Amino acid sequence: MAEDIFWGTKPFPTMFDEGKNDYFFELVSEEELLSVMKSFKKDKCPDLDGWTIEFFIHSFYLVKMEILSMVEESRMSAKYTNTYH
């Protein structure tokens, strides 16, 4: 039955195998978040509020739980805000 539902996907490459599916649903770690934040362009403001990525990196240990919560909520609800058009 499942094969009948997914017949149209067979020509497309598989992006995740079964082993990687578990990784996809793991929580974002503090180390992963900080690493990604450090990879952003410096001296840029992602929004009009004037807060640069350097501020968030510098104060990471004060705001990490709020940022992680926001990331997880956004990731699990599949909703995001794109201010860049």
PDB file of N, CA and C in Angstrom:
ATOM      1  N   MET A   1       0.810  -1.197   0.000  1.00  0.00           N
ATOM      2  CA  MET A   1       0.000   0.000   0.000  1.00  0.00           C
ATOM      3  C   MET A   1       0.856   1.265   0.000  1.00  0.00           C
ATOM      4  N   ALA A   2       1.879   1.290   0.871  1.00  0.00           N
ATOM      5  CA  ALA A   2       2.744   2.468   0.944  1.00  0.00           C
ATOM      6  C   ALA A   2       3.465   2.695  -0.378  1.00  0.00           C
ATOM      7  N   GLU A   3       3.826   1.624  -1.071  1.00  0.00           N
ATOM      8  CA  GLU A   3       4.496   1.764  -2.355  1.00  0.00           C
ATOM      9  C   GLU A   3       3.608   2.469  -3.365  1.00  0.00           C
ATOM     10  N   ASP A   4       2.302   2.241  -3.297  1.00  0.00           N
ATOM     11  CA  ASP A   4       1.370   2.906  -4.197  1.00  0.00           C
ATOM     12  C   ASP A   4       1.322   4.411  -3.940  1.00  0.00           C
ATOM     13  N   ILE A   5       1.465   4.805  -2.689  1.00  0.00           N
ATOM     14  CA  ILE A   5       1.397   6.225  -2.334  1.00  0.00           C
ATOM     15  C   ILE A   5       2.642   6.964  -2.813  1.00  0.00           C
ATOM     16  N   PHE A   6       3.811   6.335  -2.718  1.00  0.00           N
ATOM     17  CA  PHE A   6       5.065   7.011  -3.014  1.00  0.00           C
ATOM     18  C   PHE A   6       5.640   6.686  -4.389  1.00  0.00           C
ATOM     19  N   TRP A   7       4.838   6.225  -5.308  1.00  0.00           N
ATOM     20  CA  TRP A   7       5.329   5.834  -6.625  1.00  0.00           C
ATOM     21  C   TRP A   7       5.992   6.995  -7.356  1.00  0.00           C
ATOM     22  N   GLY A   8       5.527   8.210  -7.139  1.00  0.00           N
ATOM     23  CA  GLY A   8       6.073   9.379  -7.848  1.00  0.00           C
ATOM     24  C   GLY A   8       7.405   9.852  -7.316  1.00  0.00           C
ATOM     25  N   THR A   9       7.829   9.348  -6.159  1.00  0.00           N
ATOM     26  CA  THR A   9       9.094   9.805  -5.578  1.00  0.00           C
ATOM     27  C   THR A   9      10.287   8.951  -5.983  1.00  0.00           C
ATOM     28  N   LYS A  10      10.052   7.826  -6.620  1.00  0.00           N
ATOM     29  CA  LYS A  10      11.148   6.912  -6.957  1.00  0.00           C
ATOM     30  C   LYS A  10      12.206   7.535  -7.872  1.00  0.00           C
ATOM     31  N   PRO A  11      11.857   8.407  -8.825  1.00  0.00           N
ATOM     32  CA  PRO A  11      12.908   8.986  -9.688  1.00  0.00           C
ATOM     33  C   PRO A  11      13.805   9.998  -8.962  1.00  0.00           C
ATOM     34  N   PHE A  12      13.399  10.465  -7.793  1.00  0.00           N
ATOM     35  CA  PHE A  12      14.155  11.492  -7.095  1.00  0.00           C
ATOM     36  C   PHE A  12      15.142  10.864  -6.122  1.00  0.00           C
ATOM     37  N   PRO A  13      16.302  11.518  -5.931  1.00  0.00           N
ATOM     38  CA  PRO A  13      17.295  10.945  -5.006  1.00  0.00           C
ATOM     39  C   PRO A  13      16.796  10.993  -3.559  1.00  0.00           C
ATOM     40  N   THR A  14      17.267  10.038  -2.773  1.00  0.00           N
ATOM     41  CA  THR A  14      16.931   9.999  -1.364  1.00  0.00           C
ATOM     42  C   THR A  14      17.841  10.973  -0.626  1.00  0.00           C
ATOM     43  N   MET A  15      17.240  11.853   0.157  1.00  0.00           N
ATOM     44  CA  MET A  15      18.029  12.847   0.876  1.00  0.00           C
ATOM     45  C   MET A  15      18.491  12.321   2.230  1.00  0.00           C
ATOM     46  N   PHE A  16      17.671  11.500   2.879  1.00  0.00           N
ATOM     47  CA  PHE A  16      18.001  10.969   4.184  1.00  0.00           C
ATOM     48  C   PHE A  16      17.766   9.472   4.184  1.00  0.00           C
ATOM     49  N   ASP A  17      18.719   8.735   4.714  1.00  0.00           N
ATOM     50  CA  ASP A  17      18.461   7.323   4.902  1.00  0.00           C
ATOM     51  C   ASP A  17      17.865   7.134   6.295  1.00  0.00           C
ATOM     52  N   GLU A  18      17.487   5.931   6.616  1.00  0.00           N
ATOM     53  CA  GLU A  18      16.818   5.671   7.901  1.00  0.00           C
ATOM     54  C   GLU A  18      17.673   6.085   9.095  1.00  0.00           C
ATOM     55  N   GLY A  19      18.977   5.877   9.007  1.00  0.00           N
ATOM     56  CA  GLY A  19      19.864   6.235  10.100  1.00  0.00           C
ATOM     57  C   GLY A  19      19.916   7.733  10.344  1.00  0.00           C
ATOM     58  N   LYS A  20      19.839   8.521   9.277  1.00  0.00           N
ATOM     59  CA  LYS A  20      19.902   9.970   9.406  1.00  0.00           C
ATOM     60  C   LYS A  20      18.569  10.568   9.825  1.00  0.00           C
ATOM     61  N   ASN A  21      17.480   9.839   9.666  1.00  0.00           N
ATOM     62  CA  ASN A  21      16.177  10.352  10.095  1.00  0.00           C
ATOM     63  C   ASN A  21      16.166  10.640  11.596  1.00  0.00           C
ATOM     64  N   ASP A  22      16.782   9.759  12.391  1.00  0.00           N
ATOM     65  CA  ASP A  22      16.842   9.978  13.835  1.00  0.00           C
ATOM     66  C   ASP A  22      17.610  11.249  14.158  1.00  0.00           C
ATOM     67  N   TYR A  23      18.720  11.462  13.467  1.00  0.00           N
ATOM     68  CA  TYR A  23      19.534  12.665  13.677  1.00  0.00           C
ATOM     69  C   TYR A  23      18.722  13.923  13.366  1.00  0.00           C
ATOM     70  N   PHE A  24      17.887  13.853  12.350  1.00  0.00           N
ATOM     71  CA  PHE A  24      17.091  15.000  11.927  1.00  0.00           C
ATOM     72  C   PHE A  24      16.157  15.482  13.044  1.00  0.00           C
ATOM     73  N   PHE A  25      15.689  14.575  13.891  1.00  0.00           N
ATOM     74  CA  PHE A  25      14.743  14.932  14.937  1.00  0.00           C
ATOM     75  C   PHE A  25      15.389  15.167  16.304  1.00  0.00           C
ATOM     76  N   GLU A  26      16.718  15.098  16.384  1.00  0.00           N
ATOM     77  CA  GLU A  26      17.391  15.385  17.640  1.00  0.00           C
ATOM     78  C   GLU A  26      17.316  16.880  17.950  1.00  0.00           C
ATOM     79  N   LEU A  27      17.344  17.202  19.244  1.00  0.00           N
ATOM     80  CA  LEU A  27      17.360  18.600  19.652  1.00  0.00           C
ATOM     81  C   LEU A  27      18.659  19.263  19.222  1.00  0.00           C
ATOM     82  N   VAL A  28      18.598  20.535  18.928  1.00  0.00           N
ATOM     83  CA  VAL A  28      19.788  21.307  18.595  1.00  0.00           C
ATOM     84  C   VAL A  28      20.589  21.495  19.881  1.00  0.00           C
ATOM     85  N   SER A  29      21.866  21.211  19.841  1.00  0.00           N
ATOM     86  CA  SER A  29      22.705  21.336  21.041  1.00  0.00           C
ATOM     87  C   SER A  29      23.239  22.763  21.174  1.00  0.00           C
ATOM     88  N   GLU A  30      23.698  23.087  22.374  1.00  0.00           N
ATOM     89  CA  GLU A  30      24.313  24.400  22.615  1.00  0.00           C
ATOM     90  C   GLU A  30      25.531  24.571  21.716  1.00  0.00           C
ATOM     91  N   GLU A  31      26.346  23.530  21.596  1.00  0.00           N
ATOM     92  CA  GLU A  31      27.556  23.597  20.786  1.00  0.00           C
ATOM     93  C   GLU A  31      27.230  23.820  19.310  1.00  0.00           C
ATOM     94  N   GLU A  32      26.195  23.134  18.828  1.00  0.00           N
ATOM     95  CA  GLU A  32      25.791  23.292  17.434  1.00  0.00           C
ATOM     96  C   GLU A  32      25.282  24.710  17.181  1.00  0.00           C
ATOM     97  N   LEU A  33      24.471  25.218  18.096  1.00  0.00           N
ATOM     98  CA  LEU A  33      23.939  26.567  17.949  1.00  0.00           C
ATOM     99  C   LEU A  33      25.056  27.603  17.954  1.00  0.00           C
ATOM    100  N   LEU A  34      25.973  27.506  18.907  1.00  0.00           N
ATOM    101  CA  LEU A  34      27.073  28.466  18.988  1.00  0.00           C
ATOM    102  C   LEU A  34      27.962  28.377  17.752  1.00  0.00           C
ATOM    103  N   SER A  35      28.208  27.178  17.266  1.00  0.00           N
ATOM    104  CA  SER A  35      29.017  27.003  16.060  1.00  0.00           C
ATOM    105  C   SER A  35      28.362  27.686  14.853  1.00  0.00           C
ATOM    106  N   VAL A  36      27.068  27.510  14.708  1.00  0.00           N
ATOM    107  CA  VAL A  36      26.348  28.143  13.593  1.00  0.00           C
ATOM    108  C   VAL A  36      26.375  29.660  13.741  1.00  0.00           C
ATOM    109  N   MET A  37      26.158  30.145  14.955  1.00  0.00           N
ATOM    110  CA  MET A  37      26.181  31.590  15.186  1.00  0.00           C
ATOM    111  C   MET A  37      27.546  32.180  14.835  1.00  0.00           C
ATOM    112  N   LYS A  38      28.613  31.455  15.168  1.00  0.00           N
ATOM    113  CA  LYS A  38      29.962  31.938  14.863  1.00  0.00           C
ATOM    114  C   LYS A  38      30.268  31.924  13.372  1.00  0.00           C
ATOM    115  N   SER A  39      29.511  31.144  12.601  1.00  0.00           N
ATOM    116  CA  SER A  39      29.730  31.090  11.152  1.00  0.00           C
ATOM    117  C   SER A  39      29.033  32.231  10.402  1.00  0.00           C
ATOM    118  N   PHE A  40      28.143  32.963  11.083  1.00  0.00           N
ATOM    119  CA  PHE A  40      27.440  34.079  10.444  1.00  0.00           C
ATOM    120  C   PHE A  40      28.407  35.217  10.131  1.00  0.00           C
ATOM    121  N   LYS A  41      28.052  36.021   9.150  1.00  0.00           N
ATOM    122  CA  LYS A  41      28.834  37.215   8.838  1.00  0.00           C
ATOM    123  C   LYS A  41      28.813  38.145  10.038  1.00  0.00           C
ATOM    124  N   LYS A  42      29.952  38.717  10.319  1.00  0.00           N
ATOM    125  CA  LYS A  42      30.059  39.598  11.472  1.00  0.00           C
ATOM    126  C   LYS A  42      29.661  41.023  11.092  1.00  0.00           C
ATOM    127  N   ASP A  43      29.340  41.802  12.119  1.00  0.00           N
ATOM    128  CA  ASP A  43      28.990  43.219  11.984  1.00  0.00           C
ATOM    129  C   ASP A  43      27.767  43.433  11.087  1.00  0.00           C
ATOM    130  N   LYS A  44      26.841  42.506  11.173  1.00  0.00           N
ATOM    131  CA  LYS A  44      25.588  42.600  10.425  1.00  0.00           C
ATOM    132  C   LYS A  44      24.425  42.491  11.396  1.00  0.00           C
ATOM    133  N   CYS A  45      23.359  43.200  11.115  1.00  0.00           N
ATOM    134  CA  CYS A  45      22.148  43.125  11.930  1.00  0.00           C
ATOM    135  C   CYS A  45      21.098  42.346  11.152  1.00  0.00           C
ATOM    136  N   PRO A  46      20.624  41.216  11.686  1.00  0.00           N
ATOM    137  CA  PRO A  46      19.625  40.440  10.958  1.00  0.00           C
ATOM    138  C   PRO A  46      18.257  41.102  10.931  1.00  0.00           C
ATOM    139  N   ASP A  47      18.049  42.121  11.731  1.00  0.00           N
ATOM    140  CA  ASP A  47      16.765  42.809  11.773  1.00  0.00           C
ATOM    141  C   ASP A  47      17.010  44.286  12.040  1.00  0.00           C
ATOM    142  N   LEU A  48      15.978  45.061  12.049  1.00  0.00           N
ATOM    143  CA  LEU A  48      16.097  46.500  12.232  1.00  0.00           C
ATOM    144  C   LEU A  48      16.358  46.908  13.678  1.00  0.00           C
ATOM    145  N   ASP A  49      16.392  45.959  14.606  1.00  0.00           N
ATOM    146  CA  ASP A  49      16.580  46.295  16.014  1.00  0.00           C
ATOM    147  C   ASP A  49      18.019  46.683  16.358  1.00  0.00           C
ATOM    148  N   GLY A  50      18.980  46.424  15.471  1.00  0.00           N
ATOM    149  CA  GLY A  50      20.359  46.818  15.694  1.00  0.00           C
ATOM    150  C   GLY A  50      21.202  45.819  16.460  1.00  0.00           C
ATOM    151  N   TRP A  51      20.656  44.679  16.829  1.00  0.00           N
ATOM    152  CA  TRP A  51      21.404  43.668  17.578  1.00  0.00           C
ATOM    153  C   TRP A  51      22.245  42.851  16.599  1.00  0.00           C
ATOM    154  N   THR A  52      23.552  42.910  16.751  1.00  0.00           N
ATOM    155  CA  THR A  52      24.445  42.172  15.857  1.00  0.00           C
ATOM    156  C   THR A  52      24.663  40.760  16.383  1.00  0.00           C
ATOM    157  N   ILE A  53      25.181  39.906  15.512  1.00  0.00           N
ATOM    158  CA  ILE A  53      25.466  38.532  15.911  1.00  0.00           C
ATOM    159  C   ILE A  53      26.548  38.503  16.980  1.00  0.00           C
ATOM    160  N   GLU A  54      27.450  39.484  16.954  1.00  0.00           N
ATOM    161  CA  GLU A  54      28.493  39.546  17.986  1.00  0.00           C
ATOM    162  C   GLU A  54      27.891  39.684  19.379  1.00  0.00           C
ATOM    163  N   PHE A  55      26.806  40.465  19.488  1.00  0.00           N
ATOM    164  CA  PHE A  55      26.145  40.606  20.786  1.00  0.00           C
ATOM    165  C   PHE A  55      25.651  39.246  21.275  1.00  0.00           C
ATOM    166  N   PHE A  56      25.005  38.500  20.417  1.00  0.00           N
ATOM    167  CA  PHE A  56      24.452  37.208  20.815  1.00  0.00           C
ATOM    168  C   PHE A  56      25.552  36.193  21.130  1.00  0.00           C
ATOM    169  N   ILE A  57      26.665  36.242  20.393  1.00  0.00           N
ATOM    170  CA  ILE A  57      27.786  35.351  20.686  1.00  0.00           C
ATOM    171  C   ILE A  57      28.418  35.733  22.021  1.00  0.00           C
ATOM    172  N   HIS A  58      28.630  37.021  22.223  1.00  0.00           N
ATOM    173  CA  HIS A  58      29.253  37.498  23.464  1.00  0.00           C
ATOM    174  C   HIS A  58      28.401  37.159  24.693  1.00  0.00           C
ATOM    175  N   SER A  59      27.098  37.262  24.557  1.00  0.00           N
ATOM    176  CA  SER A  59      26.200  37.015  25.694  1.00  0.00           C
ATOM    177  C   SER A  59      25.519  35.647  25.593  1.00  0.00           C
ATOM    178  N   PHE A  60      26.129  34.729  24.859  1.00  0.00           N
ATOM    179  CA  PHE A  60      25.521  33.428  24.598  1.00  0.00           C
ATOM    180  C   PHE A  60      25.106  32.705  25.874  1.00  0.00           C
ATOM    181  N   TYR A  61      25.962  32.710  26.877  1.00  0.00           N
ATOM    182  CA  TYR A  61      25.659  31.944  28.092  1.00  0.00           C
ATOM    183  C   TYR A  61      24.546  32.573  28.917  1.00  0.00           C
ATOM    184  N   LEU A  62      24.187  33.813  28.613  1.00  0.00           N
ATOM    185  CA  LEU A  62      23.047  34.452  29.277  1.00  0.00           C
ATOM    186  C   LEU A  62      21.739  34.197  28.531  1.00  0.00           C
ATOM    187  N   VAL A  63      21.809  34.070  27.213  1.00  0.00           N
ATOM    188  CA  VAL A  63      20.592  33.986  26.395  1.00  0.00           C
ATOM    189  C   VAL A  63      20.423  32.647  25.684  1.00  0.00           C
ATOM    190  N   LYS A  64      21.335  31.701  25.932  1.00  0.00           N
ATOM    191  CA  LYS A  64      21.316  30.453  25.162  1.00  0.00           C
ATOM    192  C   LYS A  64      20.014  29.680  25.297  1.00  0.00           C
ATOM    193  N   MET A  65      19.423  29.623  26.482  1.00  0.00           N
ATOM    194  CA  MET A  65      18.197  28.843  26.659  1.00  0.00           C
ATOM    195  C   MET A  65      17.033  29.451  25.873  1.00  0.00           C
ATOM    196  N   GLU A  66      16.963  30.774  25.840  1.00  0.00           N
ATOM    197  CA  GLU A  66      15.899  31.438  25.072  1.00  0.00           C
ATOM    198  C   GLU A  66      16.081  31.202  23.577  1.00  0.00           C
ATOM    199  N   ILE A  67      17.328  31.288  23.122  1.00  0.00           N
ATOM    200  CA  ILE A  67      17.590  31.069  21.693  1.00  0.00           C
ATOM    201  C   ILE A  67      17.316  29.616  21.318  1.00  0.00           C
ATOM    202  N   LEU A  68      17.784  28.679  22.136  1.00  0.00           N
ATOM    203  CA  LEU A  68      17.519  27.259  21.862  1.00  0.00           C
ATOM    204  C   LEU A  68      16.024  26.969  21.846  1.00  0.00           C
ATOM    205  N   SER A  69      15.296  27.559  22.764  1.00  0.00           N
ATOM    206  CA  SER A  69      13.846  27.373  22.804  1.00  0.00           C
ATOM    207  C   SER A  69      13.195  27.908  21.535  1.00  0.00           C
ATOM    208  N   MET A  70      13.630  29.075  21.098  1.00  0.00           N
ATOM    209  CA  MET A  70      13.085  29.674  19.883  1.00  0.00           C
ATOM    210  C   MET A  70      13.405  28.810  18.660  1.00  0.00           C
ATOM    211  N   VAL A  71      14.640  28.307  18.581  1.00  0.00           N
ATOM    212  CA  VAL A  71      15.051  27.464  17.455  1.00  0.00           C
ATOM    213  C   VAL A  71      14.212  26.193  17.422  1.00  0.00           C
ATOM    214  N   GLU A  72      14.060  25.539  18.566  1.00  0.00           N
ATOM    215  CA  GLU A  72      13.289  24.294  18.613  1.00  0.00           C
ATOM    216  C   GLU A  72      11.814  24.526  18.291  1.00  0.00           C
ATOM    217  N   GLU A  73      11.244  25.590  18.818  1.00  0.00           N
ATOM    218  CA  GLU A  73       9.838  25.882  18.520  1.00  0.00           C
ATOM    219  C   GLU A  73       9.640  26.118  17.032  1.00  0.00           C
ATOM    220  N   SER A  74      10.548  26.868  16.445  1.00  0.00           N
ATOM    221  CA  SER A  74      10.461  27.140  15.009  1.00  0.00           C
ATOM    222  C   SER A  74      10.665  25.869  14.194  1.00  0.00           C
ATOM    223  N   ARG A  75      11.633  25.068  14.588  1.00  0.00           N
ATOM    224  CA  ARG A  75      11.945  23.837  13.850  1.00  0.00           C
ATOM    225  C   ARG A  75      10.803  22.834  13.927  1.00  0.00           C
ATOM    226  N   MET A  76      10.205  22.679  15.082  1.00  0.00           N
ATOM    227  CA  MET A  76       9.145  21.687  15.246  1.00  0.00           C
ATOM    228  C   MET A  76       7.807  22.146  14.658  1.00  0.00           C
ATOM    229  N   SER A  77       7.583  23.438  14.628  1.00  0.00           N
ATOM    230  CA  SER A  77       6.324  23.915  14.055  1.00  0.00           C
ATOM    231  C   SER A  77       6.456  24.177  12.562  1.00  0.00           C
ATOM    232  N   ALA A  78       7.692  24.112  12.055  1.00  0.00           N
ATOM    233  CA  ALA A  78       7.978  24.355  10.631  1.00  0.00           C
ATOM    234  C   ALA A  78       7.530  25.745  10.207  1.00  0.00           C
ATOM    235  N   LYS A  79       7.553  26.679  11.153  1.00  0.00           N
ATOM    236  CA  LYS A  79       7.218  28.062  10.838  1.00  0.00           C
ATOM    237  C   LYS A  79       8.464  28.906  11.049  1.00  0.00           C
ATOM    238  N   TYR A  80       8.645  29.848  10.179  1.00  0.00           N
ATOM    239  CA  TYR A  80       9.766  30.767  10.316  1.00  0.00           C
ATOM    240  C   TYR A  80       9.375  32.109   9.725  1.00  0.00           C
ATOM    241  N   THR A  81      10.114  33.112  10.093  1.00  0.00           N
ATOM    242  CA  THR A  81       9.895  34.445   9.565  1.00  0.00           C
ATOM    243  C   THR A  81      11.083  34.803   8.711  1.00  0.00           C
ATOM    244  N   ASN A  82      10.826  35.169   7.495  1.00  0.00           N
ATOM    245  CA  ASN A  82      11.898  35.578   6.606  1.00  0.00           C
ATOM    246  C   ASN A  82      11.759  37.072   6.364  1.00  0.00           C
ATOM    247  N   THR A  83      12.662  37.846   6.957  1.00  0.00           N
ATOM    248  CA  THR A  83      12.576  39.290   6.798  1.00  0.00           C
ATOM    249  C   THR A  83      13.335  39.751   5.561  1.00  0.00           C
ATOM    250  N   TYR A  84      14.056  38.831   4.916  1.00  0.00           N
ATOM    251  CA  TYR A  84      14.783  39.178   3.707  1.00  0.00           C
ATOM    252  C   TYR A  84      13.955  38.791   2.492  1.00  0.00           C
ATOM    253  N   HIS A  85      13.688  39.725   1.666  1.00  0.00           N
ATOM    254  CA  HIS A  85      12.874  39.440   0.476  1.00  0.00           C
ATOM    255  C   HIS A  85      13.687  39.617  -0.779  1.00  0.00           C
TER     256      HIS A  85
END
